[in-house]
Amino acid sequence: MDRIRIERAEGICTISFNRPDRMNAIDDAMTRTLIATFEALATDPDTRVVVIGGTGKHFSVGGDIGNIADWLSPDPQARHDRFTEAVSTLSKPLVLAMQRVPQPIIASVRGHAIGVALQIAILADLVVASETARFSLPQLDLAHTPDHGESWSLPRKIGLSRALQMSLMAEQIDAATAERYHLVNWIVADEELEARTQTLAQRIAASPTAAAHGAKALFWGAQRQTLVEAMDSEIAMLGKVAMQEDFVEAITAFTQKRPPVFRGR
């Protein structure tokens, strides 16, 4: 059984953590598969939107602690080398590969999203959560510090004070709190999660591809830009999308008072 399940249909790539017997704990092999999948998506012209979810009752409980326990050594320097190597060769490439995915990403979360799984949800562009969703960053309970870029992404998502609260208190928040913190866009009944996620994905997949990808690139890029730089990026991006057939179709359909038919080019 593939621990990372990849399905493609109608412009939607669905990535599922598929280890329900271990609450979808993510091991090294799964991380490598995720990195390879994200890297491939960066040059995939057929995928218009990406959905990330988990099979069973949970999104993912994060890193496989049993796997990590195998790295322990009585030698402090050996522990230093093994853990910093893991972050350098697995955690960092995973986060950067996900950030480079040009397609909009939807996280579909039920049950626990812990540690690295929380970070994956944070880096998604949209998050739809079941009423059962629970989010936490419990590294302090493991005498651990953030190691998947949470110190960068979580304050940008929910603010520095709340990010520190989640980290220093190893606090678990429910779906309603996550929505109040702006970590979640929508909350749905558990039995409606897949259908709502699919509806959202289909909405994006049916939109003009270059414009959807361009909007994502602009909003993420602007987080590291001045207003002048962001405006310059918008000018350049508008020039690119204006060259697309979908751009002409959208304006033409609007003036003709009919629904547009986008072809992704």
Protein backbone atom coordinates (compact mmCIF):
# COMPACT_ATOMS: atom_id res chain seq x y z
CA MET A 1 0.00 0.00 0.00
CA ASP A 2 1.35 3.39 -1.00
CA ARG A 3 1.75 5.57 2.09
CA ILE A 4 1.33 8.63 -0.10
CA ARG A 5 -1.55 8.16 -2.53
CA ILE A 6 -1.62 10.32 -5.67
CA GLU A 7 -4.77 10.64 -7.78
CA ARG A 8 -5.33 12.85 -10.82
CA ALA A 9 -8.63 13.72 -12.48
CA GLU A 10 -9.96 16.72 -14.40
CA GLY A 11 -7.05 19.00 -13.55
CA ILE A 12 -7.10 18.10 -9.83
CA CYS A 13 -4.17 16.33 -8.18
CA THR A 14 -5.17 14.79 -4.84
CA ILE A 15 -2.36 13.88 -2.45
CA SER A 16 -3.42 11.71 0.49
CA PHE A 17 -1.46 10.64 3.55
CA ASN A 18 -2.34 6.95 3.48
CA ARG A 19 -1.21 5.38 6.71
CA PRO A 20 -4.43 5.35 8.74
CA ASP A 21 -3.25 2.60 11.09
CA ARG A 22 -0.59 5.04 12.34
CA MET A 23 -2.86 8.11 12.17
CA ASN A 24 -0.98 9.07 8.99
CA ALA A 25 2.32 9.66 10.79
CA ILE A 26 4.87 10.86 8.22
CA ASP A 27 8.14 8.93 7.96
CA ASP A 28 11.27 9.61 5.91
CA ALA A 29 10.08 7.67 2.86
CA MET A 30 6.79 9.57 2.82
CA THR A 31 8.66 12.86 3.07
CA ARG A 32 10.81 11.95 0.07
CA THR A 33 7.69 11.04 -1.91
CA LEU A 34 6.09 14.36 -1.01
CA ILE A 35 9.21 16.26 -2.09
CA ALA A 36 9.31 14.44 -5.43
CA THR A 37 5.58 15.01 -5.96
CA PHE A 38 5.77 18.74 -5.22
CA GLU A 39 8.82 19.11 -7.47
CA ALA A 40 7.00 17.37 -10.32
CA LEU A 41 3.94 19.60 -9.88
CA ALA A 42 6.11 22.66 -10.44
CA THR A 43 6.35 21.73 -14.13
CA ASP A 44 3.03 19.89 -14.58
CA PRO A 45 0.88 21.71 -17.17
CA ASP A 46 -2.13 19.44 -16.68
CA THR A 47 -2.70 20.04 -12.96
CA ARG A 48 -4.64 23.19 -12.12
CA VAL A 49 -5.22 22.68 -8.40
CA VAL A 50 -3.80 20.44 -5.67
CA VAL A 51 -5.70 18.89 -2.75
CA ILE A 52 -3.89 17.48 0.30
CA GLY A 53 -5.75 15.29 2.78
CA GLY A 54 -5.52 12.13 4.83
CA THR A 55 -7.25 8.77 4.73
CA GLY A 56 -9.11 7.63 7.83
CA LYS A 57 -9.92 9.80 10.82
CA HIS A 58 -6.92 12.15 10.75
CA PHE A 59 -5.08 14.50 8.41
CA SER A 60 -1.76 13.51 10.03
CA VAL A 61 -0.25 13.40 13.50
CA GLY A 62 3.00 14.72 12.06
CA GLY A 63 6.41 13.10 12.12
CA ASP A 64 6.70 9.42 12.99
CA ILE A 65 8.15 9.56 16.51
CA GLY A 66 9.10 5.88 16.35
CA ASN A 67 11.16 6.63 13.28
CA ILE A 68 12.76 9.64 14.98
CA ALA A 69 13.53 7.62 18.12
CA ASP A 70 15.81 5.43 16.02
CA TRP A 71 18.08 8.45 15.56
CA LEU A 72 18.87 8.75 19.28
CA SER A 73 22.45 8.17 20.34
CA PRO A 74 24.26 8.43 23.70
CA ASP A 75 26.70 10.78 21.94
CA PRO A 76 25.41 14.41 21.95
CA GLN A 77 27.43 15.31 18.84
CA ALA A 78 26.00 12.33 16.97
CA ARG A 79 22.48 13.47 17.88
CA HIS A 80 23.33 16.99 16.73
CA ASP A 81 24.59 15.73 13.40
CA ARG A 82 21.70 13.32 12.75
CA PHE A 83 18.90 15.73 13.57
CA THR A 84 20.37 18.74 11.77
CA GLU A 85 21.02 16.53 8.75
CA ALA A 86 17.39 15.40 8.75
CA VAL A 87 16.10 18.96 8.79
CA SER A 88 18.56 19.99 6.07
CA THR A 89 17.88 17.05 3.76
CA LEU A 90 14.19 16.32 4.46
CA SER A 91 12.29 19.05 6.32
CA LYS A 92 13.72 22.06 4.49
CA PRO A 93 13.43 20.54 0.98
CA LEU A 94 9.84 19.49 1.73
CA VAL A 95 8.74 22.98 2.77
CA LEU A 96 10.56 24.72 -0.08
CA ALA A 97 9.23 22.27 -2.68
CA MET A 98 5.68 22.86 -1.44
CA GLN A 99 6.14 26.62 -1.57
CA ARG A 100 7.30 26.39 -5.18
CA VAL A 101 4.15 24.58 -6.33
CA PRO A 102 2.49 27.07 -8.71
CA GLN A 103 -0.98 25.57 -8.48
CA PRO A 104 -3.34 26.67 -5.69
CA ILE A 105 -3.26 24.12 -2.85
CA ILE A 106 -6.27 23.17 -0.72
CA ALA A 107 -5.73 21.37 2.59
CA SER A 108 -8.66 19.16 3.56
CA VAL A 109 -8.33 18.53 7.29
CA ARG A 110 -10.16 16.20 9.63
CA GLY A 111 -8.91 15.05 12.99
CA HIS A 112 -5.36 15.89 14.01
CA ALA A 113 -2.94 18.13 12.11
CA ILE A 114 0.18 18.11 14.26
CA GLY A 115 3.72 19.40 13.76
CA VAL A 116 4.79 19.02 10.14
CA ALA A 117 1.16 18.32 9.21
CA LEU A 118 0.19 21.67 10.74
CA GLN A 119 2.92 23.31 8.66
CA ILE A 120 1.58 21.68 5.49
CA ALA A 121 -1.87 23.07 6.29
CA ILE A 122 -0.38 26.51 6.97
CA LEU A 123 1.42 26.51 3.61
CA ALA A 124 -1.75 25.55 1.76
CA ASP A 125 -3.51 28.44 0.08
CA LEU A 126 -6.93 27.44 1.35
CA VAL A 127 -7.95 25.21 4.27
CA VAL A 128 -11.30 23.48 4.65
CA ALA A 129 -11.69 21.69 7.97
CA SER A 130 -14.05 19.17 9.45
CA GLU A 131 -15.64 19.98 12.80
CA THR A 132 -13.32 17.28 14.18
CA ALA A 133 -10.14 19.10 13.13
CA ARG A 134 -7.52 19.78 15.80
CA PHE A 135 -4.30 21.72 15.21
CA SER A 136 -1.21 21.68 17.42
CA LEU A 137 2.51 22.31 17.60
CA PRO A 138 3.65 20.09 20.50
CA GLN A 139 7.40 20.21 19.95
CA LEU A 140 8.04 21.68 23.41
CA ASP A 141 6.58 18.54 25.00
CA LEU A 142 9.30 16.62 23.14
CA ALA A 143 12.08 19.04 24.21
CA HIS A 144 12.06 20.04 20.55
CA THR A 145 11.95 23.30 18.61
CA PRO A 146 10.17 24.16 15.34
CA ASP A 147 11.91 22.43 12.44
CA HIS A 148 9.68 22.76 9.38
CA GLY A 149 9.64 26.54 9.02
CA GLU A 150 6.81 27.10 11.49
CA SER A 151 8.69 30.04 13.04
CA TRP A 152 8.37 31.79 9.66
CA SER A 153 4.91 30.71 8.52
CA LEU A 154 2.78 30.46 11.66
CA PRO A 155 3.24 34.10 12.84
CA ARG A 156 2.44 35.27 9.31
CA LYS A 157 -0.78 33.28 9.42
CA ILE A 158 -2.08 33.88 12.94
CA GLY A 159 0.19 36.58 14.42
CA LEU A 160 3.31 36.34 16.58
CA SER A 161 1.52 36.30 19.95
CA ARG A 162 -0.79 33.43 19.04
CA ALA A 163 2.03 31.53 17.34
CA LEU A 164 4.13 31.76 20.50
CA GLN A 165 1.13 30.67 22.55
CA MET A 166 0.63 27.57 20.40
CA SER A 167 4.34 26.74 20.61
CA LEU A 168 5.21 27.56 24.23
CA MET A 169 2.00 26.08 25.63
CA ALA A 170 2.01 23.16 23.16
CA GLU A 171 -1.59 24.25 22.75
CA GLN A 172 -4.11 22.30 20.71
CA ILE A 173 -6.82 24.37 19.04
CA ASP A 174 -10.12 23.16 17.63
CA ALA A 175 -11.62 24.00 14.25
CA ALA A 176 -13.62 26.98 15.54
CA THR A 177 -10.54 28.52 17.16
CA ALA A 178 -8.50 27.85 14.02
CA GLU A 179 -11.12 29.70 12.00
CA ARG A 180 -11.00 32.62 14.44
CA TYR A 181 -7.20 32.63 14.12
CA HIS A 182 -7.56 32.73 10.30
CA LEU A 183 -5.84 29.36 10.00
CA VAL A 184 -8.98 27.82 8.46
CA ASN A 185 -11.19 29.23 5.70
CA TRP A 186 -14.23 26.97 6.09
CA ILE A 187 -15.58 24.53 8.69
CA VAL A 188 -17.96 21.78 7.56
CA ALA A 189 -19.63 18.76 9.08
CA ASP A 190 -17.30 15.76 9.03
CA GLU A 191 -19.42 13.86 6.52
CA GLU A 192 -19.37 16.84 4.15
CA LEU A 193 -15.59 17.37 4.08
CA GLU A 194 -14.78 15.48 0.87
CA ALA A 195 -17.72 16.92 -1.06
CA ARG A 196 -16.96 20.50 -0.02
CA THR A 197 -13.28 20.07 -0.80
CA GLN A 198 -14.12 18.66 -4.22
CA THR A 199 -16.46 21.56 -4.96
CA LEU A 200 -13.74 24.07 -4.10
CA ALA A 201 -11.15 22.21 -6.17
CA GLN A 202 -13.48 22.03 -9.16
CA ARG A 203 -14.15 25.76 -8.88
CA ILE A 204 -10.45 26.53 -9.12
CA ALA A 205 -9.80 23.89 -11.79
CA ALA A 206 -12.47 25.51 -13.97
CA SER A 207 -10.95 28.98 -13.59
CA PRO A 208 -8.38 30.50 -15.99
CA THR A 209 -5.16 28.69 -15.13
CA ALA A 210 -2.63 31.48 -15.70
CA ALA A 211 -4.69 33.95 -13.67
CA ALA A 212 -5.16 31.53 -10.75
CA HIS A 213 -1.47 30.64 -10.67
CA GLY A 214 -0.52 34.29 -11.10
CA ALA A 215 -2.72 35.44 -8.23
CA LYS A 216 -1.14 32.85 -5.94
CA ALA A 217 2.36 33.90 -6.97
CA LEU A 218 1.59 37.58 -6.40
CA PHE A 219 0.07 37.19 -2.94
CA TRP A 220 2.87 34.94 -1.66
CA GLY A 221 5.57 37.05 -3.30
CA ALA A 222 4.20 40.27 -1.84
CA GLN A 223 4.86 38.96 1.68
CA ARG A 224 8.55 39.68 1.05
CA GLN A 225 8.16 42.87 -1.01
CA THR A 226 7.60 46.57 -0.59
CA LEU A 227 4.43 48.09 -2.05
CA VAL A 228 6.40 49.39 -5.03
CA GLU A 229 7.90 45.96 -5.67
CA ALA A 230 4.49 44.30 -5.35
CA MET A 231 2.98 46.75 -7.83
CA ASP A 232 5.81 46.09 -10.28
CA SER A 233 5.15 42.35 -9.93
CA GLU A 234 1.44 42.93 -10.57
CA ILE A 235 2.22 44.89 -13.74
CA ALA A 236 4.48 42.12 -15.02
CA MET A 237 1.95 39.41 -14.16
CA LEU A 238 -0.94 41.26 -15.79
CA GLY A 239 1.14 41.52 -18.94
CA LYS A 240 1.64 37.75 -18.91
CA VAL A 241 -2.02 36.86 -18.39
CA ALA A 242 -3.13 39.41 -21.00
CA MET A 243 -1.30 37.27 -23.56
CA GLN A 244 -3.46 34.24 -22.72
CA GLU A 245 -6.48 33.10 -24.74
CA ASP A 246 -8.44 32.80 -21.48
CA PHE A 247 -7.95 36.54 -20.90
CA VAL A 248 -9.62 37.37 -24.22
CA GLU A 249 -12.37 34.82 -23.58
CA ALA A 250 -13.16 36.27 -20.13
CA ILE A 251 -13.58 39.83 -21.39
CA THR A 252 -15.47 38.73 -24.50
CA ALA A 253 -17.85 36.53 -22.51
CA PHE A 254 -18.50 39.36 -20.05
CA THR A 255 -19.42 41.80 -22.82
CA GLN A 256 -21.60 39.16 -24.50
CA LYS A 257 -23.32 38.33 -21.20
CA ARG A 258 -22.52 34.62 -21.37
CA PRO A 259 -20.49 32.23 -19.19
CA PRO A 260 -16.81 32.06 -20.20
CA VAL A 261 -15.30 28.83 -21.47
CA PHE A 262 -11.71 28.64 -20.23
CA ARG A 263 -9.20 26.32 -21.89
CA GLY A 264 -6.21 26.80 -19.63
CA ARG A 265 -4.18 28.71 -22.17
